[in-house]
Amino acid sequence: MSATLMQAARLLIQRYGDGAEKAAAERAEELMNDGDMVGAATWLHFIDAVRHVLGR
């Protein structure tokens, strides 16, 4: 994973704590519903990075 992606994951965790994965999933779903598949895919990568940082 890129350093930028990992930094974004750490910032999500800093802001949302244990809810970071859920927050990222909700944002990905919002973007999918809006038809923004590229944006949704980006947020799906954030979910993986958050899981990695949290050791899940």
C-alpha atoms as a PDB file:
ATOM      1  CA  MET A   1       0.000   0.000   0.000  1.00  0.00           C
ATOM      2  CA  SER A   2       1.186   3.479  -0.765  1.00  0.00           C
ATOM      3  CA  ALA A   3       2.339   5.833   1.957  1.00  0.00           C
ATOM      4  CA  THR A   4      -0.396   8.289   0.952  1.00  0.00           C
ATOM      5  CA  LEU A   5      -3.100   5.661   1.336  1.00  0.00           C
ATOM      6  CA  MET A   6      -1.739   4.628   4.728  1.00  0.00           C
ATOM      7  CA  GLN A   7      -1.644   8.259   5.864  1.00  0.00           C
ATOM      8  CA  ALA A   8      -5.259   8.702   4.777  1.00  0.00           C
ATOM      9  CA  ALA A   9      -6.183   5.585   6.774  1.00  0.00           C
ATOM     10  CA  ARG A  10      -4.453   6.954   9.863  1.00  0.00           C
ATOM     11  CA  LEU A  11      -6.324  10.238   9.482  1.00  0.00           C
ATOM     12  CA  LEU A  12      -9.640   8.401   9.175  1.00  0.00           C
ATOM     13  CA  ILE A  13      -8.823   6.473  12.342  1.00  0.00           C
ATOM     14  CA  GLN A  14      -7.804   9.665  14.102  1.00  0.00           C
ATOM     15  CA  ARG A  15     -11.124  11.271  13.197  1.00  0.00           C
ATOM     16  CA  TYR A  16     -13.508   8.314  13.540  1.00  0.00           C
ATOM     17  CA  GLY A  17     -11.673   5.940  15.875  1.00  0.00           C
ATOM     18  CA  ASP A  18     -13.092   2.421  15.773  1.00  0.00           C
ATOM     19  CA  GLY A  19     -15.779   3.697  13.391  1.00  0.00           C
ATOM     20  CA  ALA A  20     -13.272   4.525  10.638  1.00  0.00           C
ATOM     21  CA  GLU A  21     -13.976   1.386   8.631  1.00  0.00           C
ATOM     22  CA  LYS A  22     -17.725   1.998   8.814  1.00  0.00           C
ATOM     23  CA  ALA A  23     -17.311   5.669   7.848  1.00  0.00           C
ATOM     24  CA  ALA A  24     -15.251   4.707   4.797  1.00  0.00           C
ATOM     25  CA  ALA A  25     -17.797   2.058   3.795  1.00  0.00           C
ATOM     26  CA  GLU A  26     -20.639   4.555   4.086  1.00  0.00           C
ATOM     27  CA  ARG A  27     -18.773   7.046   1.908  1.00  0.00           C
ATOM     28  CA  ALA A  28     -18.028   4.352  -0.689  1.00  0.00           C
ATOM     29  CA  GLU A  29     -21.718   3.435  -0.765  1.00  0.00           C
ATOM     30  CA  GLU A  30     -22.743   7.086  -1.182  1.00  0.00           C
ATOM     31  CA  LEU A  31     -20.406   7.452  -4.132  1.00  0.00           C
ATOM     32  CA  MET A  32     -21.637   4.211  -5.714  1.00  0.00           C
ATOM     33  CA  ASN A  33     -25.216   5.414  -5.360  1.00  0.00           C
ATOM     34  CA  ASP A  34     -24.208   8.661  -7.080  1.00  0.00           C
ATOM     35  CA  GLY A  35     -22.644   6.692  -9.934  1.00  0.00           C
ATOM     36  CA  ASP A  36     -19.055   7.642  -9.041  1.00  0.00           C
ATOM     37  CA  MET A  37     -17.396   4.261  -9.353  1.00  0.00           C
ATOM     38  CA  VAL A  38     -13.858   5.664  -9.356  1.00  0.00           C
ATOM     39  CA  GLY A  39     -14.492   7.552  -6.125  1.00  0.00           C
ATOM     40  CA  ALA A  40     -16.164   4.496  -4.596  1.00  0.00           C
ATOM     41  CA  ALA A  41     -13.200   2.318  -5.554  1.00  0.00           C
ATOM     42  CA  THR A  42     -10.875   4.785  -3.853  1.00  0.00           C
ATOM     43  CA  TRP A  43     -12.881   4.569  -0.627  1.00  0.00           C
ATOM     44  CA  LEU A  44     -12.867   0.776  -0.848  1.00  0.00           C
ATOM     45  CA  HIS A  45      -9.061   1.007  -0.845  1.00  0.00           C
ATOM     46  CA  PHE A  46      -9.315   3.202   2.251  1.00  0.00           C
ATOM     47  CA  ILE A  47     -11.286   0.419   3.969  1.00  0.00           C
ATOM     48  CA  ASP A  48      -8.481  -2.048   3.261  1.00  0.00           C
ATOM     49  CA  ALA A  49      -5.890   0.431   4.530  1.00  0.00           C
ATOM     50  CA  VAL A  50      -7.853   1.106   7.731  1.00  0.00           C
ATOM     51  CA  ARG A  51      -8.100  -2.643   8.341  1.00  0.00           C
ATOM     52  CA  HIS A  52      -4.357  -2.967   7.757  1.00  0.00           C
ATOM     53  CA  VAL A  53      -3.497  -0.167  10.180  1.00  0.00           C
ATOM     54  CA  LEU A  54      -5.856  -1.573  12.812  1.00  0.00           C
ATOM     55  CA  GLY A  55      -4.480  -5.089  12.307  1.00  0.00           C
ATOM     56  CA  ARG A  56      -7.767  -6.577  11.144  1.00  0.00           C
END
